[in-house]
Structures are given as C-alpha cells and as structure tokens.
Amino acid sequence: MSGVRLAKCLWGMAALVSVLMVSPQAWGVELFSASLKNGDYGTGTTQDTMAPNHGGSPHVLGIVNSADGVTFTPTDANNRGNAVIYWQPGAAVNSFRQHGTISFLMKGDQSMFSSMTVWGHLWGENYGWNQFNNGQGTFSCAVSLVPNGAGPEDDLMRFYMSACHNDAWYYPGNTSNVTMDFGHWHSIGFTWGGPNYDYEIWIDGQLKSGYDLPVGVNLPWGMGAPQSGTNWGLGGLHERGYGAYSSAVGITYADLKVWDQWVEMGGTPEPATLSLLALGSIVLLRRKRRKA
C-alpha cells in the first residue's frame, strides 16, 4: 500500500474511531425528543390557559407549524408572544434539576424580533400554571436584540440564562459574548451539572460560556422551590403575560432533545468530528469510484 493510500485509510479510521469513542454514559437518559416539524411535538403540548387580566382575552396562541419547524409569532400589539409548548419531566424532575441538557436547532427572524421586543424567553420551567403570577419559574433562558451597526442586517441576538438557588437568582454565562446572528439555522445546546462547569452554553459545536456558581452555592437549581420543574417548555413559562415576561417571537425551533443528564458539548455537533466524518466519506467514495 502506498503512503498516500495509507494516509487516507488512517483518516477514514480516525473518523470512525471519533464516533465510536463517544461515551454512551455521557448522553444520559433522553427525556423528550421532537422534530417540531409539521406539528410534531412528541409528548409535548401547547398551553392555552391565560386569565383575561394576563392578556388572555382575546387569546391568540402565537404558534405556526411548518415543514421547517415551529415558529413563535406575536400575540399582542406590543409584539410580545404568549406561545408555550411544554413537556412534563415527571419522576425525573429531581435529577433533571441536578444535571441535564437541552438541545435544538434555532433560527431567528429579525423583522419579527424587532426593537419593540426588549427580550423574550426561549425556554423555561415552572411549577404550576396558576401559581402567583400565572406560573412561577426558577430556571430559564431569554434572548434580546443587540443592534450592531447601521442596519438591521448586522443585528444579533444575545442570550440571558438564569437559575434560582435558595431564592437568589444567578445568571450563569458571560452574556456579552453569547450572541448569534439572525436568518441562519444554529445548533444550540445548554447543559448543567457536568464535570467541567456548572452551566455551559454551546452554539454550533463551540463552547460560548462556561460558568461555575459562587462558593457555597450548588446545584440543583430551584432550591427553595421544591415544586420547580413541574413543566419544562419552549416559550415564556414564568409570569406569563406580565410586563416583559414574553415568549421570544420570530424564533423557529426544530429537532428538540432534552436529556436527564449532562451531555458532551450540549448535544451539539463537534466541527472536528464532522470534518473527520466528511473526510472519511470522501475517501470511501473515491475508493468505490476507482474500483468501478
């Protein structure tokens, strides 16, 4: 075998080994999985209950299903959203608060996510739709608009992740650096309780934020609120219909996965692994063509 052929074979083997070396234990237990395409929510459902004094009359759900995914749209004149799709962790809720992962594809529509929307929730949890201000939560992630340059084509979205520990709120992430552009699909991953950081935010296979809680503050999130995690979902589950507590509008979601465990890279693909797989595929394809 020539040196060139040997090198190509080694690259192909490296691609295969990189996949096989992924530890099954790192992936944990999958709680929910849904393509979110053409109305496929898996075991999830929409929440269609909001008291009239919370903006629920007349009620508009604010969800549009398509082959691309599910898109959250405005439900009032202030461009806020009331869309919620939720899942119930059930018996896994206690371990889910200790360690877990949320992964999905996401694309933002800048024309819909306008400057009128100061910020909105991507996802969150609560412990009862009728608790306090129509649903209290202790763990969530929101996004805001970041004007960037003279025109909207350069504007960005900024992530704000928050978690409550013993009635004190913490914001696990260097939010000034966790940004994403509009108009493109991105692979998003959030994971907590892993071996490296308490909280991690991954975008397109790259770690954007690694955050450790202060000394003396530990996971699980929601300590002080043992009911937390009753429901987990996309949209604004915390204090629905009050002030800025809105679901983020102009966001399309697809390919949702939620694990009851820390998952490597937040469940997002690793560019190096994908490159090796692509190279391995090219090598195999060339060998087949030569044989033909």
C-alpha atoms as a PDB file:
ATOM      1  CA  MET A   1       0.000   0.000   0.000  1.00  0.00           C
ATOM      2  CA  SER A   2       1.392   3.434  -0.970  1.00  0.00           C
ATOM      3  CA  GLY A   3       1.991   6.157   1.598  1.00  0.00           C
ATOM      4  CA  VAL A   4      -0.868   8.247   0.174  1.00  0.00           C
ATOM      5  CA  ARG A   5      -3.347   5.364   0.396  1.00  0.00           C
ATOM      6  CA  LEU A   6      -2.207   4.563   3.921  1.00  0.00           C
ATOM      7  CA  ALA A   7      -2.728   8.181   4.997  1.00  0.00           C
ATOM      8  CA  LYS A   8      -6.248   8.191   3.548  1.00  0.00           C
ATOM      9  CA  CYS A   9      -7.129   4.948   5.285  1.00  0.00           C
ATOM     10  CA  LEU A  10      -5.851   6.329   8.565  1.00  0.00           C
ATOM     11  CA  TRP A  11      -8.017   9.422   8.171  1.00  0.00           C
ATOM     12  CA  GLY A  12     -11.045   7.278   7.452  1.00  0.00           C
ATOM     13  CA  MET A  13     -10.345   5.105  10.500  1.00  0.00           C
ATOM     14  CA  ALA A  14      -9.932   8.228  12.626  1.00  0.00           C
ATOM     15  CA  ALA A  15     -13.389   9.380  11.561  1.00  0.00           C
ATOM     16  CA  LEU A  16     -14.904   6.083  12.626  1.00  0.00           C
ATOM     17  CA  VAL A  17     -12.998   5.978  15.909  1.00  0.00           C
ATOM     18  CA  SER A  18     -14.054   9.544  16.753  1.00  0.00           C
ATOM     19  CA  VAL A  19     -17.673   8.426  16.620  1.00  0.00           C
ATOM     20  CA  LEU A  20     -17.168   5.170  18.484  1.00  0.00           C
ATOM     21  CA  MET A  21     -15.244   6.886  21.261  1.00  0.00           C
ATOM     22  CA  VAL A  22     -18.259   8.981  22.324  1.00  0.00           C
ATOM     23  CA  SER A  23     -19.100   7.682  25.787  1.00  0.00           C
ATOM     24  CA  PRO A  24     -22.652   6.311  25.993  1.00  0.00           C
ATOM     25  CA  GLN A  25     -22.801   7.338  29.635  1.00  0.00           C
ATOM     26  CA  ALA A  26     -22.236  10.968  28.655  1.00  0.00           C
ATOM     27  CA  TRP A  27     -25.508  11.016  26.753  1.00  0.00           C
ATOM     28  CA  GLY A  28     -27.636  10.064  29.744  1.00  0.00           C
ATOM     29  CA  VAL A  29     -31.354   9.406  29.573  1.00  0.00           C
ATOM     30  CA  GLU A  30     -33.350  11.153  26.883  1.00  0.00           C
ATOM     31  CA  LEU A  31     -36.479  12.669  28.419  1.00  0.00           C
ATOM     32  CA  PHE A  32     -38.039  14.324  25.366  1.00  0.00           C
ATOM     33  CA  SER A  33     -37.459  14.298  21.632  1.00  0.00           C
ATOM     34  CA  ALA A  34     -39.485  16.081  18.966  1.00  0.00           C
ATOM     35  CA  SER A  35     -38.773  17.210  15.418  1.00  0.00           C
ATOM     36  CA  LEU A  36     -41.134  20.200  15.957  1.00  0.00           C
ATOM     37  CA  LYS A  37     -41.866  19.968  12.228  1.00  0.00           C
ATOM     38  CA  ASN A  38     -45.426  19.864  10.863  1.00  0.00           C
ATOM     39  CA  GLY A  39     -46.820  19.988  14.393  1.00  0.00           C
ATOM     40  CA  ASP A  40     -44.736  17.110  15.772  1.00  0.00           C
ATOM     41  CA  TYR A  41     -44.221  17.966  19.467  1.00  0.00           C
ATOM     42  CA  GLY A  42     -43.575  14.390  20.572  1.00  0.00           C
ATOM     43  CA  THR A  43     -45.138  14.125  24.026  1.00  0.00           C
ATOM     44  CA  GLY A  44     -45.342  17.911  24.307  1.00  0.00           C
ATOM     45  CA  THR A  45     -48.479  20.014  24.167  1.00  0.00           C
ATOM     46  CA  THR A  46     -49.447  23.669  23.911  1.00  0.00           C
ATOM     47  CA  GLN A  47     -50.565  25.641  26.938  1.00  0.00           C
ATOM     48  CA  ASP A  48     -53.722  27.562  26.095  1.00  0.00           C
ATOM     49  CA  THR A  49     -54.715  28.919  29.500  1.00  0.00           C
ATOM     50  CA  MET A  50     -54.226  32.539  30.491  1.00  0.00           C
ATOM     51  CA  ALA A  51     -56.504  34.654  32.637  1.00  0.00           C
ATOM     52  CA  PRO A  52     -58.020  37.732  30.889  1.00  0.00           C
ATOM     53  CA  ASN A  53     -56.099  40.125  33.170  1.00  0.00           C
ATOM     54  CA  HIS A  54     -52.884  38.455  31.978  1.00  0.00           C
ATOM     55  CA  GLY A  55     -53.512  39.315  28.337  1.00  0.00           C
ATOM     56  CA  GLY A  56     -55.567  36.213  27.592  1.00  0.00           C
ATOM     57  CA  SER A  57     -58.705  37.822  26.167  1.00  0.00           C
ATOM     58  CA  PRO A  58     -58.942  37.598  23.255  1.00  0.00           C
ATOM     59  CA  HIS A  59     -56.393  34.811  23.323  1.00  0.00           C
ATOM     60  CA  VAL A  60     -54.054  34.170  20.395  1.00  0.00           C
ATOM     61  CA  LEU A  61     -51.781  31.143  20.678  1.00  0.00           C
ATOM     62  CA  GLY A  62     -48.935  32.533  18.565  1.00  0.00           C
ATOM     63  CA  ILE A  63     -47.676  29.273  17.066  1.00  0.00           C
ATOM     64  CA  VAL A  64     -47.252  28.486  13.356  1.00  0.00           C
ATOM     65  CA  ASN A  65     -46.337  24.950  12.273  1.00  0.00           C
ATOM     66  CA  SER A  66     -44.426  24.235   9.068  1.00  0.00           C
ATOM     67  CA  ALA A  67     -42.083  21.698   7.472  1.00  0.00           C
ATOM     68  CA  ASP A  68     -39.146  23.746   8.806  1.00  0.00           C
ATOM     69  CA  GLY A  69     -40.249  23.726  12.427  1.00  0.00           C
ATOM     70  CA  VAL A  70     -42.478  25.621  14.830  1.00  0.00           C
ATOM     71  CA  THR A  71     -42.381  29.426  14.722  1.00  0.00           C
ATOM     72  CA  PHE A  72     -43.487  31.649  17.622  1.00  0.00           C
ATOM     73  CA  THR A  73     -45.341  34.777  16.478  1.00  0.00           C
ATOM     74  CA  PRO A  74     -46.591  37.946  18.256  1.00  0.00           C
ATOM     75  CA  THR A  75     -49.879  37.737  20.148  1.00  0.00           C
ATOM     76  CA  ASP A  76     -50.457  41.399  21.057  1.00  0.00           C
ATOM     77  CA  ALA A  77     -49.929  44.922  19.739  1.00  0.00           C
ATOM     78  CA  ASN A  78     -46.673  45.266  21.683  1.00  0.00           C
ATOM     79  CA  ASN A  79     -45.130  42.437  19.654  1.00  0.00           C
ATOM     80  CA  ARG A  80     -44.976  40.157  22.686  1.00  0.00           C
ATOM     81  CA  GLY A  81     -45.640  36.437  22.460  1.00  0.00           C
ATOM     82  CA  ASN A  82     -47.752  34.049  24.503  1.00  0.00           C
ATOM     83  CA  ALA A  83     -46.773  30.777  22.813  1.00  0.00           C
ATOM     84  CA  VAL A  84     -45.833  27.849  25.033  1.00  0.00           C
ATOM     85  CA  ILE A  85     -45.123  24.216  24.161  1.00  0.00           C
ATOM     86  CA  TYR A  86     -44.384  22.195  27.273  1.00  0.00           C
ATOM     87  CA  TRP A  87     -43.332  18.763  28.468  1.00  0.00           C
ATOM     88  CA  GLN A  88     -43.559  17.205  31.930  1.00  0.00           C
ATOM     89  CA  PRO A  89     -40.368  15.668  33.413  1.00  0.00           C
ATOM     90  CA  GLY A  90     -42.473  13.594  35.806  1.00  0.00           C
ATOM     91  CA  ALA A  91     -40.475  11.361  38.153  1.00  0.00           C
ATOM     92  CA  ALA A  92     -37.193  12.588  36.608  1.00  0.00           C
ATOM     93  CA  VAL A  93     -37.683  16.167  37.784  1.00  0.00           C
ATOM     94  CA  ASN A  94     -35.298  15.998  40.767  1.00  0.00           C
ATOM     95  CA  SER A  95     -32.365  14.612  38.792  1.00  0.00           C
ATOM     96  CA  PHE A  96     -33.220  16.958  35.873  1.00  0.00           C
ATOM     97  CA  ARG A  97     -32.661  19.903  38.203  1.00  0.00           C
ATOM     98  CA  GLN A  98     -29.291  18.458  39.214  1.00  0.00           C
ATOM     99  CA  HIS A  99     -27.942  17.719  35.719  1.00  0.00           C
ATOM    100  CA  GLY A 100     -29.455  17.922  32.272  1.00  0.00           C
ATOM    101  CA  THR A 101     -29.150  19.086  28.686  1.00  0.00           C
ATOM    102  CA  ILE A 102     -31.353  20.959  26.236  1.00  0.00           C
ATOM    103  CA  SER A 103     -30.506  20.842  22.535  1.00  0.00           C
ATOM    104  CA  PHE A 104     -32.339  22.207  19.477  1.00  0.00           C
ATOM    105  CA  LEU A 105     -31.951  23.971  16.151  1.00  0.00           C
ATOM    106  CA  MET A 106     -32.974  27.606  16.100  1.00  0.00           C
ATOM    107  CA  LYS A 107     -33.386  30.396  13.558  1.00  0.00           C
ATOM    108  CA  GLY A 108     -34.345  33.999  14.299  1.00  0.00           C
ATOM    109  CA  ASP A 109     -36.376  36.305  12.031  1.00  0.00           C
ATOM    110  CA  GLN A 110     -35.068  39.812  12.637  1.00  0.00           C
ATOM    111  CA  SER A 111     -38.089  41.520  11.026  1.00  0.00           C
ATOM    112  CA  MET A 112     -40.358  39.860  13.596  1.00  0.00           C
ATOM    113  CA  PHE A 113     -37.913  40.062  16.509  1.00  0.00           C
ATOM    114  CA  SER A 114     -37.998  43.847  16.323  1.00  0.00           C
ATOM    115  CA  SER A 115     -36.726  46.540  18.670  1.00  0.00           C
ATOM    116  CA  MET A 116     -40.226  46.564  20.198  1.00  0.00           C
ATOM    117  CA  THR A 117     -39.346  43.229  21.758  1.00  0.00           C
ATOM    118  CA  VAL A 118     -36.914  44.156  24.520  1.00  0.00           C
ATOM    119  CA  TRP A 119     -36.395  40.491  25.282  1.00  0.00           C
ATOM    120  CA  GLY A 120     -38.277  37.228  25.331  1.00  0.00           C
ATOM    121  CA  HIS A 121     -37.930  33.715  26.705  1.00  0.00           C
ATOM    122  CA  LEU A 122     -36.634  30.867  24.565  1.00  0.00           C
ATOM    123  CA  TRP A 123     -37.379  28.225  27.174  1.00  0.00           C
ATOM    124  CA  GLY A 124     -38.009  27.799  30.865  1.00  0.00           C
ATOM    125  CA  GLU A 125     -39.769  25.803  33.546  1.00  0.00           C
ATOM    126  CA  ASN A 126     -42.426  26.464  36.148  1.00  0.00           C
ATOM    127  CA  TYR A 127     -44.215  24.777  38.980  1.00  0.00           C
ATOM    128  CA  GLY A 128     -47.879  25.307  38.177  1.00  0.00           C
ATOM    129  CA  TRP A 129     -49.682  27.478  35.655  1.00  0.00           C
ATOM    130  CA  ASN A 130     -51.766  29.083  38.392  1.00  0.00           C
ATOM    131  CA  GLN A 131     -49.006  29.800  40.913  1.00  0.00           C
ATOM    132  CA  PHE A 132     -48.656  33.515  41.765  1.00  0.00           C
ATOM    133  CA  ASN A 133     -48.491  35.495  38.521  1.00  0.00           C
ATOM    134  CA  ASN A 134     -49.925  32.675  36.415  1.00  0.00           C
ATOM    135  CA  GLY A 135     -46.885  30.421  36.702  1.00  0.00           C
ATOM    136  CA  GLN A 136     -43.626  30.761  38.611  1.00  0.00           C
ATOM    137  CA  GLY A 137     -40.295  29.514  37.315  1.00  0.00           C
ATOM    138  CA  THR A 138     -36.762  29.151  38.661  1.00  0.00           C
ATOM    139  CA  PHE A 139     -34.758  28.333  35.510  1.00  0.00           C
ATOM    140  CA  SER A 140     -34.941  29.866  32.028  1.00  0.00           C
ATOM    141  CA  CYS A 141     -33.180  31.410  29.064  1.00  0.00           C
ATOM    142  CA  ALA A 142     -34.133  34.620  27.276  1.00  0.00           C
ATOM    143  CA  VAL A 143     -32.806  36.491  24.251  1.00  0.00           C
ATOM    144  CA  SER A 144     -32.637  40.188  23.438  1.00  0.00           C
ATOM    145  CA  LEU A 145     -31.924  42.244  20.353  1.00  0.00           C
ATOM    146  CA  VAL A 146     -28.389  43.637  20.006  1.00  0.00           C
ATOM    147  CA  PRO A 147     -28.201  46.493  17.467  1.00  0.00           C
ATOM    148  CA  ASN A 148     -24.900  46.094  15.632  1.00  0.00           C
ATOM    149  CA  GLY A 149     -24.045  48.679  13.023  1.00  0.00           C
ATOM    150  CA  ALA A 150     -26.187  50.993  10.947  1.00  0.00           C
ATOM    151  CA  GLY A 151     -28.605  48.433   9.504  1.00  0.00           C
ATOM    152  CA  PRO A 152     -30.659  45.538  10.848  1.00  0.00           C
ATOM    153  CA  GLU A 153     -28.748  43.043   8.704  1.00  0.00           C
ATOM    154  CA  ASP A 154     -25.928  43.076  11.278  1.00  0.00           C
ATOM    155  CA  ASP A 155     -28.088  42.885  14.409  1.00  0.00           C
ATOM    156  CA  LEU A 156     -27.563  39.993  16.796  1.00  0.00           C
ATOM    157  CA  MET A 157     -29.429  38.077  19.491  1.00  0.00           C
ATOM    158  CA  ARG A 158     -27.946  37.858  22.983  1.00  0.00           C
ATOM    159  CA  PHE A 159     -28.617  35.005  25.427  1.00  0.00           C
ATOM    160  CA  TYR A 160     -29.577  35.500  29.068  1.00  0.00           C
ATOM    161  CA  MET A 161     -29.588  32.300  31.111  1.00  0.00           C
ATOM    162  CA  SER A 162     -30.896  32.430  34.677  1.00  0.00           C
ATOM    163  CA  ALA A 163     -31.289  29.998  37.567  1.00  0.00           C
ATOM    164  CA  CYS A 164     -32.583  30.341  41.110  1.00  0.00           C
ATOM    165  CA  HIS A 165     -30.685  28.886  44.087  1.00  0.00           C
ATOM    166  CA  ASN A 166     -32.205  29.276  47.568  1.00  0.00           C
ATOM    167  CA  ASP A 167     -34.312  32.253  46.452  1.00  0.00           C
ATOM    168  CA  ALA A 168     -31.347  34.080  44.868  1.00  0.00           C
ATOM    169  CA  TRP A 169     -31.118  34.473  41.088  1.00  0.00           C
ATOM    170  CA  TYR A 170     -27.868  33.858  39.230  1.00  0.00           C
ATOM    171  CA  TYR A 171     -27.067  34.442  35.582  1.00  0.00           C
ATOM    172  CA  PRO A 172     -24.735  31.628  34.507  1.00  0.00           C
ATOM    173  CA  GLY A 173     -22.964  32.923  31.447  1.00  0.00           C
ATOM    174  CA  ASN A 174     -20.857  35.739  30.077  1.00  0.00           C
ATOM    175  CA  THR A 175     -23.819  37.112  28.158  1.00  0.00           C
ATOM    176  CA  SER A 176     -21.804  39.824  26.430  1.00  0.00           C
ATOM    177  CA  ASN A 177     -20.101  37.106  24.389  1.00  0.00           C
ATOM    178  CA  VAL A 178     -23.032  34.712  23.860  1.00  0.00           C
ATOM    179  CA  THR A 179     -24.564  36.131  20.697  1.00  0.00           C
ATOM    180  CA  MET A 180     -25.971  34.739  17.471  1.00  0.00           C
ATOM    181  CA  ASP A 181     -26.962  36.226  14.116  1.00  0.00           C
ATOM    182  CA  PHE A 182     -30.395  36.214  12.522  1.00  0.00           C
ATOM    183  CA  GLY A 183     -31.543  34.394   9.421  1.00  0.00           C
ATOM    184  CA  HIS A 184     -29.446  31.231   9.802  1.00  0.00           C
ATOM    185  CA  TRP A 185     -30.011  27.889  11.495  1.00  0.00           C
ATOM    186  CA  HIS A 186     -27.870  27.362  14.567  1.00  0.00           C
ATOM    187  CA  SER A 187     -27.360  24.312  16.763  1.00  0.00           C
ATOM    188  CA  ILE A 188     -27.956  25.371  20.367  1.00  0.00           C
ATOM    189  CA  GLY A 189     -27.029  23.409  23.475  1.00  0.00           C
ATOM    190  CA  PHE A 190     -27.439  24.131  27.178  1.00  0.00           C
ATOM    191  CA  THR A 191     -26.055  21.735  29.760  1.00  0.00           C
ATOM    192  CA  TRP A 192     -25.555  21.812  33.517  1.00  0.00           C
ATOM    193  CA  GLY A 193     -24.080  19.616  36.224  1.00  0.00           C
ATOM    194  CA  GLY A 194     -21.198  18.343  34.092  1.00  0.00           C
ATOM    195  CA  PRO A 195     -17.543  17.684  35.002  1.00  0.00           C
ATOM    196  CA  ASN A 196     -16.187  20.970  33.640  1.00  0.00           C
ATOM    197  CA  TYR A 197     -18.610  23.776  34.535  1.00  0.00           C
ATOM    198  CA  ASP A 198     -21.884  24.051  36.427  1.00  0.00           C
ATOM    199  CA  TYR A 199     -23.503  25.608  33.340  1.00  0.00           C
ATOM    200  CA  GLU A 200     -22.461  25.631  29.693  1.00  0.00           C
ATOM    201  CA  ILE A 201     -23.866  27.275  26.565  1.00  0.00           C
ATOM    202  CA  TRP A 202     -22.879  25.793  23.197  1.00  0.00           C
ATOM    203  CA  ILE A 203     -23.574  27.272  19.758  1.00  0.00           C
ATOM    204  CA  ASP A 204     -22.723  25.344  16.595  1.00  0.00           C
ATOM    205  CA  GLY A 205     -20.442  22.986  18.478  1.00  0.00           C
ATOM    206  CA  GLN A 206     -18.437  25.712  20.206  1.00  0.00           C
ATOM    207  CA  LEU A 207     -18.457  26.454  23.925  1.00  0.00           C
ATOM    208  CA  LYS A 208     -19.638  30.065  24.275  1.00  0.00           C
ATOM    209  CA  SER A 209     -19.951  30.208  28.031  1.00  0.00           C
ATOM    210  CA  GLY A 210     -18.740  28.088  30.931  1.00  0.00           C
ATOM    211  CA  TYR A 211     -19.925  29.237  34.353  1.00  0.00           C
ATOM    212  CA  ASP A 212     -19.419  27.962  37.900  1.00  0.00           C
ATOM    213  CA  LEU A 213     -21.701  29.002  40.740  1.00  0.00           C
ATOM    214  CA  PRO A 214     -20.171  31.008  43.603  1.00  0.00           C
ATOM    215  CA  VAL A 215     -18.615  29.162  46.520  1.00  0.00           C
ATOM    216  CA  GLY A 216     -21.311  27.808  48.793  1.00  0.00           C
ATOM    217  CA  VAL A 217     -23.960  27.760  46.041  1.00  0.00           C
ATOM    218  CA  ASN A 218     -24.565  24.391  44.466  1.00  0.00           C
ATOM    219  CA  LEU A 219     -26.824  22.585  42.052  1.00  0.00           C
ATOM    220  CA  PRO A 220     -29.639  21.642  41.769  1.00  0.00           C
ATOM    221  CA  TRP A 221     -31.279  24.842  40.568  1.00  0.00           C
ATOM    222  CA  GLY A 222     -34.622  25.632  42.163  1.00  0.00           C
ATOM    223  CA  MET A 223     -33.502  25.005  45.739  1.00  0.00           C
ATOM    224  CA  GLY A 224     -36.054  26.673  47.968  1.00  0.00           C
ATOM    225  CA  ALA A 225     -38.825  25.823  45.495  1.00  0.00           C
ATOM    226  CA  PRO A 226     -39.208  22.038  45.633  1.00  0.00           C
ATOM    227  CA  GLN A 227     -42.105  22.138  43.160  1.00  0.00           C
ATOM    228  CA  SER A 228     -39.935  23.646  40.415  1.00  0.00           C
ATOM    229  CA  GLY A 229     -39.563  21.728  37.182  1.00  0.00           C
ATOM    230  CA  THR A 230     -43.184  20.543  37.101  1.00  0.00           C
ATOM    231  CA  ASN A 231     -43.293  21.683  33.487  1.00  0.00           C
ATOM    232  CA  TRP A 232     -40.457  22.456  31.103  1.00  0.00           C
ATOM    233  CA  GLY A 233     -41.079  24.051  27.737  1.00  0.00           C
ATOM    234  CA  LEU A 234     -40.325  26.400  24.877  1.00  0.00           C
ATOM    235  CA  GLY A 235     -41.534  29.938  25.434  1.00  0.00           C
ATOM    236  CA  GLY A 236     -42.137  32.120  28.455  1.00  0.00           C
ATOM    237  CA  LEU A 237     -43.345  29.908  31.286  1.00  0.00           C
ATOM    238  CA  HIS A 238     -42.505  32.363  34.088  1.00  0.00           C
ATOM    239  CA  GLU A 239     -45.135  35.007  34.994  1.00  0.00           C
ATOM    240  CA  ARG A 240     -46.867  34.677  31.640  1.00  0.00           C
ATOM    241  CA  GLY A 241     -48.477  37.864  30.384  1.00  0.00           C
ATOM    242  CA  TYR A 242     -46.777  40.205  32.865  1.00  0.00           C
ATOM    243  CA  GLY A 243     -44.604  43.019  31.544  1.00  0.00           C
ATOM    244  CA  ALA A 244     -41.570  41.718  29.674  1.00  0.00           C
ATOM    245  CA  TYR A 245     -42.270  38.066  30.537  1.00  0.00           C
ATOM    246  CA  SER A 246     -42.908  37.094  26.946  1.00  0.00           C
ATOM    247  CA  SER A 247     -42.090  34.192  24.685  1.00  0.00           C
ATOM    248  CA  ALA A 248     -39.464  35.236  22.153  1.00  0.00           C
ATOM    249  CA  VAL A 249     -41.217  35.985  18.858  1.00  0.00           C
ATOM    250  CA  GLY A 250     -39.732  35.457  15.424  1.00  0.00           C
ATOM    251  CA  ILE A 251     -37.988  32.269  16.561  1.00  0.00           C
ATOM    252  CA  THR A 252     -38.280  28.957  14.687  1.00  0.00           C
ATOM    253  CA  TYR A 253     -37.345  25.775  16.561  1.00  0.00           C
ATOM    254  CA  ALA A 254     -36.618  22.285  15.239  1.00  0.00           C
ATOM    255  CA  ASP A 255     -35.130  18.959  16.385  1.00  0.00           C
ATOM    256  CA  LEU A 256     -35.557  19.329  20.133  1.00  0.00           C
ATOM    257  CA  LYS A 257     -33.882  16.886  22.516  1.00  0.00           C
ATOM    258  CA  VAL A 258     -33.845  17.033  26.311  1.00  0.00           C
ATOM    259  CA  TRP A 259     -31.721  14.717  28.450  1.00  0.00           C
ATOM    260  CA  ASP A 260     -31.851  13.889  32.143  1.00  0.00           C
ATOM    261  CA  GLN A 261     -28.046  14.094  32.216  1.00  0.00           C
ATOM    262  CA  TRP A 262     -25.087  16.204  31.213  1.00  0.00           C
ATOM    263  CA  VAL A 263     -24.310  15.684  27.517  1.00  0.00           C
ATOM    264  CA  GLU A 264     -20.995  16.398  25.821  1.00  0.00           C
ATOM    265  CA  MET A 265     -20.991  19.741  24.001  1.00  0.00           C
ATOM    266  CA  GLY A 266     -24.583  20.345  24.991  1.00  0.00           C
ATOM    267  CA  GLY A 267     -25.695  17.800  22.411  1.00  0.00           C
ATOM    268  CA  THR A 268     -24.409  19.961  19.531  1.00  0.00           C
ATOM    269  CA  PRO A 269     -22.196  18.537  16.764  1.00  0.00           C
ATOM    270  CA  GLU A 270     -18.449  18.986  17.081  1.00  0.00           C
ATOM    271  CA  PRO A 271     -16.909  20.594  13.975  1.00  0.00           C
ATOM    272  CA  ALA A 272     -13.746  18.448  14.209  1.00  0.00           C
ATOM    273  CA  THR A 273     -15.783  15.232  14.341  1.00  0.00           C
ATOM    274  CA  LEU A 274     -17.926  16.327  11.417  1.00  0.00           C
ATOM    275  CA  SER A 275     -14.819  17.190   9.406  1.00  0.00           C
ATOM    276  CA  LEU A 276     -13.322  13.757  10.038  1.00  0.00           C
ATOM    277  CA  LEU A 277     -16.568  12.075   9.039  1.00  0.00           C
ATOM    278  CA  ALA A 278     -16.707  14.108   5.845  1.00  0.00           C
ATOM    279  CA  LEU A 279     -13.108  13.255   5.012  1.00  0.00           C
ATOM    280  CA  GLY A 280     -13.724   9.575   5.733  1.00  0.00           C
ATOM    281  CA  SER A 281     -16.741   9.638   3.427  1.00  0.00           C
ATOM    282  CA  ILE A 282     -14.694  11.237   0.656  1.00  0.00           C
ATOM    283  CA  VAL A 283     -12.007   8.555   0.972  1.00  0.00           C
ATOM    284  CA  LEU A 284     -14.563   5.747   0.761  1.00  0.00           C
ATOM    285  CA  LEU A 285     -16.303   7.384  -2.195  1.00  0.00           C
ATOM    286  CA  ARG A 286     -13.024   7.730  -4.118  1.00  0.00           C
ATOM    287  CA  ARG A 287     -12.138   4.099  -3.462  1.00  0.00           C
ATOM    288  CA  LYS A 288     -15.517   2.975  -4.800  1.00  0.00           C
ATOM    289  CA  ARG A 289     -15.077   5.093  -7.952  1.00  0.00           C
ATOM    290  CA  ARG A 290     -11.612   3.597  -8.598  1.00  0.00           C
ATOM    291  CA  LYS A 291     -12.988   0.081  -8.240  1.00  0.00           C
ATOM    292  CA  ALA A 292     -15.778   0.914 -10.668  1.00  0.00           C
END
